[in-house]
Amino acid sequence: MSTPTPREVRLVSRPVGWPTHADFEVVESCVPEVGDGQIRVRNTVMSVDPYMRGRMSAAKSYADPYVIGEAMTGGAVGVVEESRADGFAVGDHVLHGLGWREVAVLDAASARRVDAAAPDSAYLGVLGMTGLTAYAGLTRIAALQPGDVVFVSGAAGAVGSAVGQIAKALGASRVIGSAGSPEKVRHVVEDLGFDAAFDYKAAPVSGQLREAAPDGIDVYFDNVGGEHLDAAIGSLRLAGRIAVCGMISVYNDTEAAPGPRNLARLIQTRGCIRGFLVGDHYDLAGEYAKRAAGWLASGELQSRETFVDGIAHAVDAFLGVLRGENTGKMIVRL
């Protein structure tokens, strides 16, 4: 029985507003021969992330836009099927950046072997870029101190859920999250150990945040922007810090969203807002990996994943992330 030809997902048009299935196509791959220093990997899992929406635009940004008519890229983990590179053997599990396809040929220098004792999906989530994003944002950007009151938006998502748990492990006195449904609110509090959470769809964020943190907040980890950022500035305490990781609420806007109306409070509070990209903080990866291993072993850090099966449904998974349909990390199983 012959092996099916591997497939990949290509961008065929740049979305205006919300992406649709018409902007993508799933086609058979032309897998190149493996050259010296390269490996061929059959992907087992791939990541879909909000930042990918920005790469579908031609606008200049921190990452090159996806090319029309070519396979997109993103985090993936797979098993080496062929190797012409030292240090990589057939059967090794590797993390790399050629997702959105079932089979990838890549330079071994751009891949990292991972321990097969943990599920492949963990290296796309809590043991990978997701966890490091949370850790770098809290420790380096927001300069979290023991006793701080922390608020995180998108608390049931991949990064947000890690932020809340890591903040507690680092000594935050109170961690508050926002999420998009009563079930997600329950998960954040009962399963992940947040001190409080609220459904941002149920009532204005500012009022719910004041109720959850009547004395204000020291740190806000922003995954959403918009109304959430406005509310966080309004609740910021003296010398409060805001780490801006993402603003998913505006990614599909066709017109500029209104900015926060209360930036003058930063003068009163001597507050600070700082954006960041995890790619600038990979020097923390070793430190984070050691601490994360301990937190996972102790149960202080847990990981929830939402799975979608098959590359034919990868676009569904991506659109689901933009709509907030995932709890924890969204993973496409290949």
C-alpha atoms as a PDB file:
ATOM      1  CA  MET A   1       0.000   0.000   0.000  1.00  0.00           C
ATOM      2  CA  SER A   2       1.542   3.325  -1.045  1.00  0.00           C
ATOM      3  CA  THR A   3       2.023   6.169   1.414  1.00  0.00           C
ATOM      4  CA  PRO A   4      -0.325   9.104   0.750  1.00  0.00           C
ATOM      5  CA  THR A   5       1.325  12.227  -0.636  1.00  0.00           C
ATOM      6  CA  PRO A   6       1.848  14.683   2.232  1.00  0.00           C
ATOM      7  CA  ARG A   7      -0.169  17.893   2.249  1.00  0.00           C
ATOM      8  CA  GLU A   8       0.357  21.511   3.284  1.00  0.00           C
ATOM      9  CA  VAL A   9      -1.765  24.625   3.857  1.00  0.00           C
ATOM     10  CA  ARG A  10      -1.106  27.631   1.634  1.00  0.00           C
ATOM     11  CA  LEU A  11      -2.317  31.214   1.856  1.00  0.00           C
ATOM     12  CA  VAL A  12      -4.085  32.100  -1.400  1.00  0.00           C
ATOM     13  CA  SER A  13      -5.341  35.606  -0.541  1.00  0.00           C
ATOM     14  CA  ARG A  14      -4.743  38.168   2.168  1.00  0.00           C
ATOM     15  CA  PRO A  15      -7.751  38.347   4.495  1.00  0.00           C
ATOM     16  CA  VAL A  16      -9.592  41.621   4.912  1.00  0.00           C
ATOM     17  CA  GLY A  17     -11.181  41.634   8.339  1.00  0.00           C
ATOM     18  CA  TRP A  18     -11.915  38.139   9.565  1.00  0.00           C
ATOM     19  CA  PRO A  19     -10.174  35.360   7.589  1.00  0.00           C
ATOM     20  CA  THR A  20     -12.339  32.771   5.831  1.00  0.00           C
ATOM     21  CA  HIS A  21     -11.662  29.345   4.369  1.00  0.00           C
ATOM     22  CA  ALA A  22     -11.487  30.971   0.928  1.00  0.00           C
ATOM     23  CA  ASP A  23      -8.181  32.588   1.950  1.00  0.00           C
ATOM     24  CA  PHE A  24      -6.476  29.172   2.249  1.00  0.00           C
ATOM     25  CA  GLU A  25      -6.056  25.920   0.376  1.00  0.00           C
ATOM     26  CA  VAL A  26      -4.870  22.447   1.388  1.00  0.00           C
ATOM     27  CA  VAL A  27      -2.734  20.948  -1.371  1.00  0.00           C
ATOM     28  CA  GLU A  28      -0.252  18.151  -1.905  1.00  0.00           C
ATOM     29  CA  SER A  29       3.322  19.057  -0.954  1.00  0.00           C
ATOM     30  CA  CYS A  30       6.379  18.927  -3.168  1.00  0.00           C
ATOM     31  CA  VAL A  31       8.782  17.564  -0.563  1.00  0.00           C
ATOM     32  CA  PRO A  32      12.399  18.252  -1.594  1.00  0.00           C
ATOM     33  CA  GLU A  33      15.264  15.785  -1.347  1.00  0.00           C
ATOM     34  CA  VAL A  34      17.189  15.823   1.907  1.00  0.00           C
ATOM     35  CA  GLY A  35      20.529  17.602   1.460  1.00  0.00           C
ATOM     36  CA  ASP A  36      23.660  17.642   3.572  1.00  0.00           C
ATOM     37  CA  GLY A  37      22.989  19.024   7.006  1.00  0.00           C
ATOM     38  CA  GLN A  38      19.241  18.538   6.621  1.00  0.00           C
ATOM     39  CA  ILE A  39      16.542  16.296   8.079  1.00  0.00           C
ATOM     40  CA  ARG A  40      13.107  15.155   6.909  1.00  0.00           C
ATOM     41  CA  VAL A  41      10.470  15.304   9.607  1.00  0.00           C
ATOM     42  CA  ARG A  42       6.953  13.876   9.657  1.00  0.00           C
ATOM     43  CA  ASN A  43       5.056  16.313  11.831  1.00  0.00           C
ATOM     44  CA  THR A  44       2.909  14.920  14.611  1.00  0.00           C
ATOM     45  CA  VAL A  45       1.529  18.214  15.954  1.00  0.00           C
ATOM     46  CA  MET A  46       1.478  21.848  14.815  1.00  0.00           C
ATOM     47  CA  SER A  47       0.622  25.117  16.464  1.00  0.00           C
ATOM     48  CA  VAL A  48      -1.916  27.747  15.452  1.00  0.00           C
ATOM     49  CA  ASP A  49      -1.448  31.106  17.163  1.00  0.00           C
ATOM     50  CA  PRO A  50      -3.052  34.557  17.111  1.00  0.00           C
ATOM     51  CA  TYR A  51       0.166  36.225  15.881  1.00  0.00           C
ATOM     52  CA  MET A  52      -0.201  34.350  12.590  1.00  0.00           C
ATOM     53  CA  ARG A  53      -3.090  36.636  11.682  1.00  0.00           C
ATOM     54  CA  GLY A  54      -0.650  39.544  11.408  1.00  0.00           C
ATOM     55  CA  ARG A  55       1.605  37.572   9.073  1.00  0.00           C
ATOM     56  CA  MET A  56      -1.310  37.114   6.673  1.00  0.00           C
ATOM     57  CA  SER A  57      -1.237  40.843   6.021  1.00  0.00           C
ATOM     58  CA  ALA A  58       1.278  42.539   3.748  1.00  0.00           C
ATOM     59  CA  ALA A  59       1.802  45.287   6.319  1.00  0.00           C
ATOM     60  CA  LYS A  60       5.311  45.688   7.664  1.00  0.00           C
ATOM     61  CA  SER A  61       5.729  44.067  11.055  1.00  0.00           C
ATOM     62  CA  TYR A  62       8.275  42.283  13.226  1.00  0.00           C
ATOM     63  CA  ALA A  63       7.989  39.127  11.085  1.00  0.00           C
ATOM     64  CA  ASP A  64       7.899  38.746   7.317  1.00  0.00           C
ATOM     65  CA  PRO A  65       4.401  38.283   5.888  1.00  0.00           C
ATOM     66  CA  TYR A  66       3.379  34.906   4.558  1.00  0.00           C
ATOM     67  CA  VAL A  67       3.855  34.578   0.814  1.00  0.00           C
ATOM     68  CA  ILE A  68       0.751  34.138  -1.319  1.00  0.00           C
ATOM     69  CA  GLY A  69       0.730  30.690  -2.922  1.00  0.00           C
ATOM     70  CA  GLU A  70       3.258  29.188  -0.516  1.00  0.00           C
ATOM     71  CA  ALA A  71       2.861  27.055   2.592  1.00  0.00           C
ATOM     72  CA  MET A  72       2.648  29.018   5.813  1.00  0.00           C
ATOM     73  CA  THR A  73       5.018  28.413   8.708  1.00  0.00           C
ATOM     74  CA  GLY A  74       4.681  27.995  12.455  1.00  0.00           C
ATOM     75  CA  GLY A  75       5.749  25.831  15.344  1.00  0.00           C
ATOM     76  CA  ALA A  76       5.607  22.058  14.918  1.00  0.00           C
ATOM     77  CA  VAL A  77       6.987  18.905  16.465  1.00  0.00           C
ATOM     78  CA  GLY A  78       7.611  15.715  14.547  1.00  0.00           C
ATOM     79  CA  VAL A  79       9.665  12.576  14.135  1.00  0.00           C
ATOM     80  CA  VAL A  80      12.806  12.429  12.001  1.00  0.00           C
ATOM     81  CA  GLU A  81      12.318  10.069   9.041  1.00  0.00           C
ATOM     82  CA  GLU A  82      15.646  10.730   7.304  1.00  0.00           C
ATOM     83  CA  SER A  83      18.785  12.506   8.482  1.00  0.00           C
ATOM     84  CA  ARG A  84      21.882  13.773   6.736  1.00  0.00           C
ATOM     85  CA  ALA A  85      22.951  15.819   9.742  1.00  0.00           C
ATOM     86  CA  ASP A  86      25.182  15.028  12.684  1.00  0.00           C
ATOM     87  CA  GLY A  87      23.359  14.828  15.985  1.00  0.00           C
ATOM     88  CA  PHE A  88      20.005  13.799  14.539  1.00  0.00           C
ATOM     89  CA  ALA A  89      18.904  10.200  14.077  1.00  0.00           C
ATOM     90  CA  VAL A  90      15.853   8.572  12.571  1.00  0.00           C
ATOM     91  CA  GLY A  91      13.204   8.412  15.283  1.00  0.00           C
ATOM     92  CA  ASP A  92      14.298  11.576  17.111  1.00  0.00           C
ATOM     93  CA  HIS A  93      11.517  13.973  18.092  1.00  0.00           C
ATOM     94  CA  VAL A  94      12.286  17.561  17.075  1.00  0.00           C
ATOM     95  CA  LEU A  95      10.786  21.030  17.487  1.00  0.00           C
ATOM     96  CA  HIS A  96      11.011  23.317  14.446  1.00  0.00           C
ATOM     97  CA  GLY A  97       9.317  26.152  12.560  1.00  0.00           C
ATOM     98  CA  LEU A  98       7.846  24.423   9.486  1.00  0.00           C
ATOM     99  CA  GLY A  99       4.315  23.747  10.597  1.00  0.00           C
ATOM    100  CA  TRP A 100       1.219  23.922   8.390  1.00  0.00           C
ATOM    101  CA  ARG A 101       2.437  20.802   6.546  1.00  0.00           C
ATOM    102  CA  GLU A 102       2.555  17.078   7.203  1.00  0.00           C
ATOM    103  CA  VAL A 103       6.179  16.549   6.114  1.00  0.00           C
ATOM    104  CA  ALA A 104       9.017  19.095   6.303  1.00  0.00           C
ATOM    105  CA  VAL A 105      12.601  19.127   5.060  1.00  0.00           C
ATOM    106  CA  LEU A 106      14.736  21.615   6.941  1.00  0.00           C
ATOM    107  CA  ASP A 107      18.249  22.498   7.993  1.00  0.00           C
ATOM    108  CA  ALA A 108      19.076  20.612  11.169  1.00  0.00           C
ATOM    109  CA  ALA A 109      20.501  23.808  12.641  1.00  0.00           C
ATOM    110  CA  SER A 110      16.974  25.208  12.836  1.00  0.00           C
ATOM    111  CA  ALA A 111      15.597  22.201  14.733  1.00  0.00           C
ATOM    112  CA  ARG A 112      15.890  21.206  18.392  1.00  0.00           C
ATOM    113  CA  ARG A 113      15.652  17.677  19.713  1.00  0.00           C
ATOM    114  CA  VAL A 114      13.079  17.250  22.480  1.00  0.00           C
ATOM    115  CA  ASP A 115      12.586  14.565  25.090  1.00  0.00           C
ATOM    116  CA  ALA A 116      10.059  12.005  23.872  1.00  0.00           C
ATOM    117  CA  ALA A 117       9.142  11.313  27.509  1.00  0.00           C
ATOM    118  CA  ALA A 118       6.836  14.350  27.358  1.00  0.00           C
ATOM    119  CA  PRO A 119       4.036  14.581  24.783  1.00  0.00           C
ATOM    120  CA  ASP A 120       5.066  16.353  21.580  1.00  0.00           C
ATOM    121  CA  SER A 121       2.279  18.878  22.120  1.00  0.00           C
ATOM    122  CA  ALA A 122       3.841  20.078  25.392  1.00  0.00           C
ATOM    123  CA  TYR A 123       6.745  21.589  23.439  1.00  0.00           C
ATOM    124  CA  LEU A 124       4.309  23.812  21.565  1.00  0.00           C
ATOM    125  CA  GLY A 125       2.719  24.892  24.821  1.00  0.00           C
ATOM    126  CA  VAL A 126       3.802  24.970  28.422  1.00  0.00           C
ATOM    127  CA  LEU A 127       7.305  23.575  27.739  1.00  0.00           C
ATOM    128  CA  GLY A 128       7.804  25.704  24.636  1.00  0.00           C
ATOM    129  CA  MET A 129       7.241  29.206  23.334  1.00  0.00           C
ATOM    130  CA  THR A 130       3.927  29.579  25.171  1.00  0.00           C
ATOM    131  CA  GLY A 131       5.402  28.969  28.605  1.00  0.00           C
ATOM    132  CA  LEU A 132       8.490  31.042  27.900  1.00  0.00           C
ATOM    133  CA  THR A 133       6.312  33.941  26.751  1.00  0.00           C
ATOM    134  CA  ALA A 134       4.471  33.900  30.058  1.00  0.00           C
ATOM    135  CA  TYR A 135       7.689  33.644  32.076  1.00  0.00           C
ATOM    136  CA  ALA A 136       9.588  36.356  30.198  1.00  0.00           C
ATOM    137  CA  GLY A 137       6.625  38.714  30.309  1.00  0.00           C
ATOM    138  CA  LEU A 138       6.197  38.315  34.053  1.00  0.00           C
ATOM    139  CA  THR A 139       9.816  38.281  35.171  1.00  0.00           C
ATOM    140  CA  ARG A 140      11.630  40.546  32.726  1.00  0.00           C
ATOM    141  CA  ILE A 141       8.972  42.887  31.339  1.00  0.00           C
ATOM    142  CA  ALA A 142       6.615  43.254  34.309  1.00  0.00           C
ATOM    143  CA  ALA A 143       9.353  42.661  36.942  1.00  0.00           C
ATOM    144  CA  LEU A 144       6.954  40.618  39.075  1.00  0.00           C
ATOM    145  CA  GLN A 145       7.660  40.829  42.810  1.00  0.00           C
ATOM    146  CA  PRO A 146       6.364  38.560  45.598  1.00  0.00           C
ATOM    147  CA  GLY A 147       3.127  40.009  46.931  1.00  0.00           C
ATOM    148  CA  ASP A 148       2.070  41.642  43.661  1.00  0.00           C
ATOM    149  CA  VAL A 149      -1.555  41.581  42.537  1.00  0.00           C
ATOM    150  CA  VAL A 150      -1.656  40.317  38.934  1.00  0.00           C
ATOM    151  CA  PHE A 151      -4.386  40.588  36.300  1.00  0.00           C
ATOM    152  CA  VAL A 152      -4.204  38.625  33.031  1.00  0.00           C
ATOM    153  CA  SER A 153      -6.626  38.772  30.112  1.00  0.00           C
ATOM    154  CA  GLY A 154      -7.318  35.725  27.979  1.00  0.00           C
ATOM    155  CA  ALA A 155      -6.747  33.698  31.129  1.00  0.00           C
ATOM    156  CA  ALA A 156      -8.098  30.434  29.721  1.00  0.00           C
ATOM    157  CA  GLY A 157      -5.913  30.637  26.629  1.00  0.00           C
ATOM    158  CA  ALA A 158      -2.487  29.128  26.121  1.00  0.00           C
ATOM    159  CA  VAL A 159      -0.355  32.029  27.360  1.00  0.00           C
ATOM    160  CA  GLY A 160      -2.856  33.451  29.827  1.00  0.00           C
ATOM    161  CA  SER A 161      -3.337  30.179  31.687  1.00  0.00           C
ATOM    162  CA  ALA A 162       0.441  29.827  32.046  1.00  0.00           C
ATOM    163  CA  VAL A 163       0.786  33.438  33.211  1.00  0.00           C
ATOM    164  CA  GLY A 164      -1.611  33.005  36.110  1.00  0.00           C
ATOM    165  CA  GLN A 165      -0.059  29.783  37.347  1.00  0.00           C
ATOM    166  CA  ILE A 166       3.519  31.019  37.016  1.00  0.00           C
ATOM    167  CA  ALA A 167       2.617  34.261  38.797  1.00  0.00           C
ATOM    168  CA  LYS A 168       1.291  32.247  41.733  1.00  0.00           C
ATOM    169  CA  ALA A 169       4.432  30.074  41.734  1.00  0.00           C
ATOM    170  CA  LEU A 170       6.567  33.238  41.809  1.00  0.00           C
ATOM    171  CA  GLY A 171       4.758  34.575  44.858  1.00  0.00           C
ATOM    172  CA  ALA A 172       1.954  36.817  43.597  1.00  0.00           C
ATOM    173  CA  SER A 173      -0.479  37.532  46.412  1.00  0.00           C
ATOM    174  CA  ARG A 174      -3.539  37.503  44.172  1.00  0.00           C
ATOM    175  CA  VAL A 175      -4.070  36.505  40.541  1.00  0.00           C
ATOM    176  CA  ILE A 176      -7.168  37.558  38.611  1.00  0.00           C
ATOM    177  CA  GLY A 177      -8.135  36.442  35.113  1.00  0.00           C
ATOM    178  CA  SER A 178     -10.708  37.304  32.493  1.00  0.00           C
ATOM    179  CA  ALA A 179     -12.191  34.696  30.172  1.00  0.00           C
ATOM    180  CA  GLY A 180     -14.993  34.438  27.641  1.00  0.00           C
ATOM    181  CA  SER A 181     -17.514  32.065  29.210  1.00  0.00           C
ATOM    182  CA  PRO A 182     -18.728  30.825  32.604  1.00  0.00           C
ATOM    183  CA  GLU A 183     -17.118  27.443  31.926  1.00  0.00           C
ATOM    184  CA  LYS A 184     -13.737  29.043  31.228  1.00  0.00           C
ATOM    185  CA  VAL A 185     -14.068  31.161  34.364  1.00  0.00           C
ATOM    186  CA  ARG A 186     -14.725  28.002  36.384  1.00  0.00           C
ATOM    187  CA  HIS A 187     -11.708  26.275  34.796  1.00  0.00           C
ATOM    188  CA  VAL A 188      -9.404  29.197  35.546  1.00  0.00           C
ATOM    189  CA  VAL A 189     -10.349  29.281  39.234  1.00  0.00           C
ATOM    190  CA  GLU A 190     -11.019  25.635  40.062  1.00  0.00           C
ATOM    191  CA  ASP A 191      -8.465  23.881  37.855  1.00  0.00           C
ATOM    192  CA  LEU A 192      -5.688  26.446  37.459  1.00  0.00           C
ATOM    193  CA  GLY A 193      -5.807  27.999  40.919  1.00  0.00           C
ATOM    194  CA  PHE A 194      -6.487  31.647  40.064  1.00  0.00           C
ATOM    195  CA  ASP A 195      -7.840  33.585  43.050  1.00  0.00           C
ATOM    196  CA  ALA A 196     -10.611  35.168  41.002  1.00  0.00           C
ATOM    197  CA  ALA A 197     -11.880  35.370  37.437  1.00  0.00           C
ATOM    198  CA  PHE A 198     -14.744  36.951  35.528  1.00  0.00           C
ATOM    199  CA  ASP A 199     -16.565  36.628  32.214  1.00  0.00           C
ATOM    200  CA  TYR A 200     -15.690  39.739  30.234  1.00  0.00           C
ATOM    201  CA  LYS A 201     -18.789  39.246  28.070  1.00  0.00           C
ATOM    202  CA  ALA A 202     -21.130  39.475  31.065  1.00  0.00           C
ATOM    203  CA  ALA A 203     -20.494  43.093  32.091  1.00  0.00           C
ATOM    204  CA  PRO A 204     -17.988  45.936  31.547  1.00  0.00           C
ATOM    205  CA  VAL A 205     -14.440  44.847  32.317  1.00  0.00           C
ATOM    206  CA  SER A 206     -13.615  47.898  34.450  1.00  0.00           C
ATOM    207  CA  GLY A 207     -16.364  47.240  36.976  1.00  0.00           C
ATOM    208  CA  GLN A 208     -15.639  43.522  37.220  1.00  0.00           C
ATOM    209  CA  LEU A 209     -11.922  44.177  37.661  1.00  0.00           C
ATOM    210  CA  ARG A 210     -12.542  46.708  40.439  1.00  0.00           C
ATOM    211  CA  GLU A 211     -14.747  44.166  42.198  1.00  0.00           C
ATOM    212  CA  ALA A 212     -12.091  41.447  41.912  1.00  0.00           C
ATOM    213  CA  ALA A 213      -9.234  43.781  42.883  1.00  0.00           C
ATOM    214  CA  PRO A 214     -10.717  46.583  45.009  1.00  0.00           C
ATOM    215  CA  ASP A 215      -7.258  47.817  46.033  1.00  0.00           C
ATOM    216  CA  GLY A 216      -5.935  47.813  42.469  1.00  0.00           C
ATOM    217  CA  ILE A 217      -3.364  45.772  40.571  1.00  0.00           C
ATOM    218  CA  ASP A 218       0.429  45.861  40.333  1.00  0.00           C
ATOM    219  CA  VAL A 219       0.828  43.904  37.100  1.00  0.00           C
ATOM    220  CA  TYR A 220      -1.353  43.499  34.024  1.00  0.00           C
ATOM    221  CA  PHE A 221      -0.393  40.913  31.403  1.00  0.00           C
ATOM    222  CA  ASP A 222      -2.227  41.936  28.244  1.00  0.00           C
ATOM    223  CA  ASN A 223      -3.272  39.386  25.633  1.00  0.00           C
ATOM    224  CA  VAL A 224      -6.389  41.217  24.483  1.00  0.00           C
ATOM    225  CA  GLY A 225      -6.018  45.024  24.369  1.00  0.00           C
ATOM    226  CA  GLY A 226      -9.048  47.247  23.867  1.00  0.00           C
ATOM    227  CA  GLU A 227     -11.427  47.503  26.800  1.00  0.00           C
ATOM    228  CA  HIS A 228      -9.188  45.288  28.932  1.00  0.00           C
ATOM    229  CA  LEU A 229      -6.191  47.610  28.611  1.00  0.00           C
ATOM    230  CA  ASP A 230      -8.336  50.616  29.450  1.00  0.00           C
ATOM    231  CA  ALA A 231      -9.653  48.878  32.570  1.00  0.00           C
ATOM    232  CA  ALA A 232      -6.186  47.764  33.680  1.00  0.00           C
ATOM    233  CA  ILE A 233      -4.781  51.290  33.424  1.00  0.00           C
ATOM    234  CA  GLY A 234      -7.701  52.462  35.527  1.00  0.00           C
ATOM    235  CA  SER A 235      -6.900  49.914  38.258  1.00  0.00           C
ATOM    236  CA  LEU A 236      -3.123  50.302  38.217  1.00  0.00           C
ATOM    237  CA  ARG A 237      -1.473  50.957  41.583  1.00  0.00           C
ATOM    238  CA  LEU A 238       1.593  53.090  42.229  1.00  0.00           C
ATOM    239  CA  ALA A 239       4.533  51.931  40.049  1.00  0.00           C
ATOM    240  CA  GLY A 240       2.307  49.405  38.306  1.00  0.00           C
ATOM    241  CA  ARG A 241       3.572  47.591  35.208  1.00  0.00           C
ATOM    242  CA  ILE A 242       1.767  46.444  32.070  1.00  0.00           C
ATOM    243  CA  ALA A 243       3.346  43.818  29.782  1.00  0.00           C
ATOM    244  CA  VAL A 244       1.746  43.867  26.334  1.00  0.00           C
ATOM    245  CA  CYS A 245       1.996  40.423  24.748  1.00  0.00           C
ATOM    246  CA  GLY A 246      -0.921  40.554  22.306  1.00  0.00           C
ATOM    247  CA  MET A 247      -4.086  42.432  21.367  1.00  0.00           C
ATOM    248  CA  ILE A 248      -6.316  39.799  19.828  1.00  0.00           C
ATOM    249  CA  SER A 249      -9.388  42.013  20.156  1.00  0.00           C
ATOM    250  CA  VAL A 250      -8.143  44.242  17.308  1.00  0.00           C
ATOM    251  CA  TYR A 251      -6.390  41.764  14.996  1.00  0.00           C
ATOM    252  CA  ASN A 252      -9.291  41.574  12.556  1.00  0.00           C
ATOM    253  CA  ASP A 253     -10.335  45.223  12.696  1.00  0.00           C
ATOM    254  CA  THR A 254     -10.416  47.011   9.356  1.00  0.00           C
ATOM    255  CA  GLU A 255     -10.180  50.431  11.029  1.00  0.00           C
ATOM    256  CA  ALA A 256      -7.892  51.545  13.836  1.00  0.00           C
ATOM    257  CA  ALA A 257      -9.364  50.777  17.234  1.00  0.00           C
ATOM    258  CA  PRO A 258      -9.666  53.677  19.697  1.00  0.00           C
ATOM    259  CA  GLY A 259      -6.751  53.837  22.104  1.00  0.00           C
ATOM    260  CA  PRO A 260      -6.994  53.880  25.908  1.00  0.00           C
ATOM    261  CA  ARG A 261      -8.727  57.046  27.080  1.00  0.00           C
ATOM    262  CA  ASN A 262      -7.050  57.199  30.469  1.00  0.00           C
ATOM    263  CA  LEU A 263      -3.307  57.236  29.761  1.00  0.00           C
ATOM    264  CA  ALA A 264      -2.992  60.251  32.067  1.00  0.00           C
ATOM    265  CA  ARG A 265      -3.288  57.792  34.957  1.00  0.00           C
ATOM    266  CA  LEU A 266       0.226  56.610  34.122  1.00  0.00           C
ATOM    267  CA  ILE A 267       1.448  59.987  35.358  1.00  0.00           C
ATOM    268  CA  GLN A 268      -0.395  59.609  38.643  1.00  0.00           C
ATOM    269  CA  THR A 269       0.703  56.012  39.177  1.00  0.00           C
ATOM    270  CA  ARG A 270       4.194  56.358  37.625  1.00  0.00           C
ATOM    271  CA  GLY A 271       3.056  53.336  35.655  1.00  0.00           C
ATOM    272  CA  CYS A 272       4.797  51.660  32.750  1.00  0.00           C
ATOM    273  CA  ILE A 273       3.486  49.948  29.610  1.00  0.00           C
ATOM    274  CA  ARG A 274       5.975  47.842  27.655  1.00  0.00           C
ATOM    275  CA  GLY A 275       5.412  45.590  24.675  1.00  0.00           C
ATOM    276  CA  PHE A 276       7.551  42.527  24.044  1.00  0.00           C
ATOM    277  CA  LEU A 277       8.245  39.607  21.731  1.00  0.00           C
ATOM    278  CA  VAL A 278       9.325  36.278  23.146  1.00  0.00           C
ATOM    279  CA  GLY A 279      11.963  35.975  20.428  1.00  0.00           C
ATOM    280  CA  ASP A 280      13.996  38.659  22.194  1.00  0.00           C
ATOM    281  CA  HIS A 281      14.158  36.613  25.389  1.00  0.00           C
ATOM    282  CA  TYR A 282      15.341  33.137  24.417  1.00  0.00           C
ATOM    283  CA  ASP A 283      18.288  33.599  26.775  1.00  0.00           C
ATOM    284  CA  LEU A 284      15.759  32.789  29.515  1.00  0.00           C
ATOM    285  CA  ALA A 285      14.824  29.422  27.953  1.00  0.00           C
ATOM    286  CA  GLY A 286      17.223  27.312  30.027  1.00  0.00           C
ATOM    287  CA  GLU A 287      16.241  29.017  33.272  1.00  0.00           C
ATOM    288  CA  TYR A 288      12.556  28.633  32.455  1.00  0.00           C
ATOM    289  CA  ALA A 289      12.890  24.955  31.471  1.00  0.00           C
ATOM    290  CA  LYS A 290      14.403  24.090  34.860  1.00  0.00           C
ATOM    291  CA  ARG A 291      11.795  25.993  36.820  1.00  0.00           C
ATOM    292  CA  ALA A 292       8.932  24.691  34.680  1.00  0.00           C
ATOM    293  CA  ALA A 293      10.039  21.106  35.240  1.00  0.00           C
ATOM    294  CA  GLY A 294       9.845  21.663  38.973  1.00  0.00           C
ATOM    295  CA  TRP A 295       6.465  23.376  38.791  1.00  0.00           C
ATOM    296  CA  LEU A 296       5.060  20.604  36.618  1.00  0.00           C
ATOM    297  CA  ALA A 297       6.340  17.962  39.017  1.00  0.00           C
ATOM    298  CA  SER A 298       4.811  19.766  42.012  1.00  0.00           C
ATOM    299  CA  GLY A 299       1.501  20.382  40.253  1.00  0.00           C
ATOM    300  CA  GLU A 300       1.878  24.168  40.464  1.00  0.00           C
ATOM    301  CA  LEU A 301       1.824  24.307  36.667  1.00  0.00           C
ATOM    302  CA  GLN A 302      -0.789  22.429  34.669  1.00  0.00           C
ATOM    303  CA  SER A 303      -1.471  22.355  30.968  1.00  0.00           C
ATOM    304  CA  ARG A 304      -4.811  22.112  29.185  1.00  0.00           C
ATOM    305  CA  GLU A 305      -4.890  21.590  25.433  1.00  0.00           C
ATOM    306  CA  THR A 306      -7.618  21.743  22.788  1.00  0.00           C
ATOM    307  CA  PHE A 307      -7.017  19.344  19.887  1.00  0.00           C
ATOM    308  CA  VAL A 308      -8.201  19.461  16.298  1.00  0.00           C
ATOM    309  CA  ASP A 309      -7.339  16.448  14.154  1.00  0.00           C
ATOM    310  CA  GLY A 310      -5.941  16.493  10.631  1.00  0.00           C
ATOM    311  CA  ILE A 311      -4.341  19.083   8.403  1.00  0.00           C
ATOM    312  CA  ALA A 312      -7.642  19.431   6.540  1.00  0.00           C
ATOM    313  CA  HIS A 313      -8.993  21.052   9.729  1.00  0.00           C
ATOM    314  CA  ALA A 314      -5.975  23.243  10.515  1.00  0.00           C
ATOM    315  CA  VAL A 315      -7.738  26.369   9.260  1.00  0.00           C
ATOM    316  CA  ASP A 316     -10.742  25.537  11.457  1.00  0.00           C
ATOM    317  CA  ALA A 317      -8.372  25.387  14.416  1.00  0.00           C
ATOM    318  CA  PHE A 318      -6.804  28.743  13.545  1.00  0.00           C
ATOM    319  CA  LEU A 319     -10.176  30.445  13.149  1.00  0.00           C
ATOM    320  CA  GLY A 320     -11.225  28.863  16.438  1.00  0.00           C
ATOM    321  CA  VAL A 321      -8.298  30.518  18.210  1.00  0.00           C
ATOM    322  CA  LEU A 322      -9.328  33.919  16.862  1.00  0.00           C
ATOM    323  CA  ARG A 323     -12.863  33.297  18.133  1.00  0.00           C
ATOM    324  CA  GLY A 324     -11.632  32.100  21.541  1.00  0.00           C
ATOM    325  CA  GLU A 325     -12.939  28.555  21.146  1.00  0.00           C
ATOM    326  CA  ASN A 326      -9.869  26.968  22.748  1.00  0.00           C
ATOM    327  CA  THR A 327      -9.180  26.267  26.397  1.00  0.00           C
ATOM    328  CA  GLY A 328      -5.420  26.265  26.844  1.00  0.00           C
ATOM    329  CA  LYS A 329      -3.215  25.685  23.826  1.00  0.00           C
ATOM    330  CA  MET A 330      -4.837  24.942  20.458  1.00  0.00           C
ATOM    331  CA  ILE A 331      -3.015  22.034  18.800  1.00  0.00           C
ATOM    332  CA  VAL A 332      -3.534  20.425  15.407  1.00  0.00           C
ATOM    333  CA  ARG A 333      -2.738  16.704  15.505  1.00  0.00           C
ATOM    334  CA  LEU A 334      -1.316  15.405  12.274  1.00  0.00           C
END
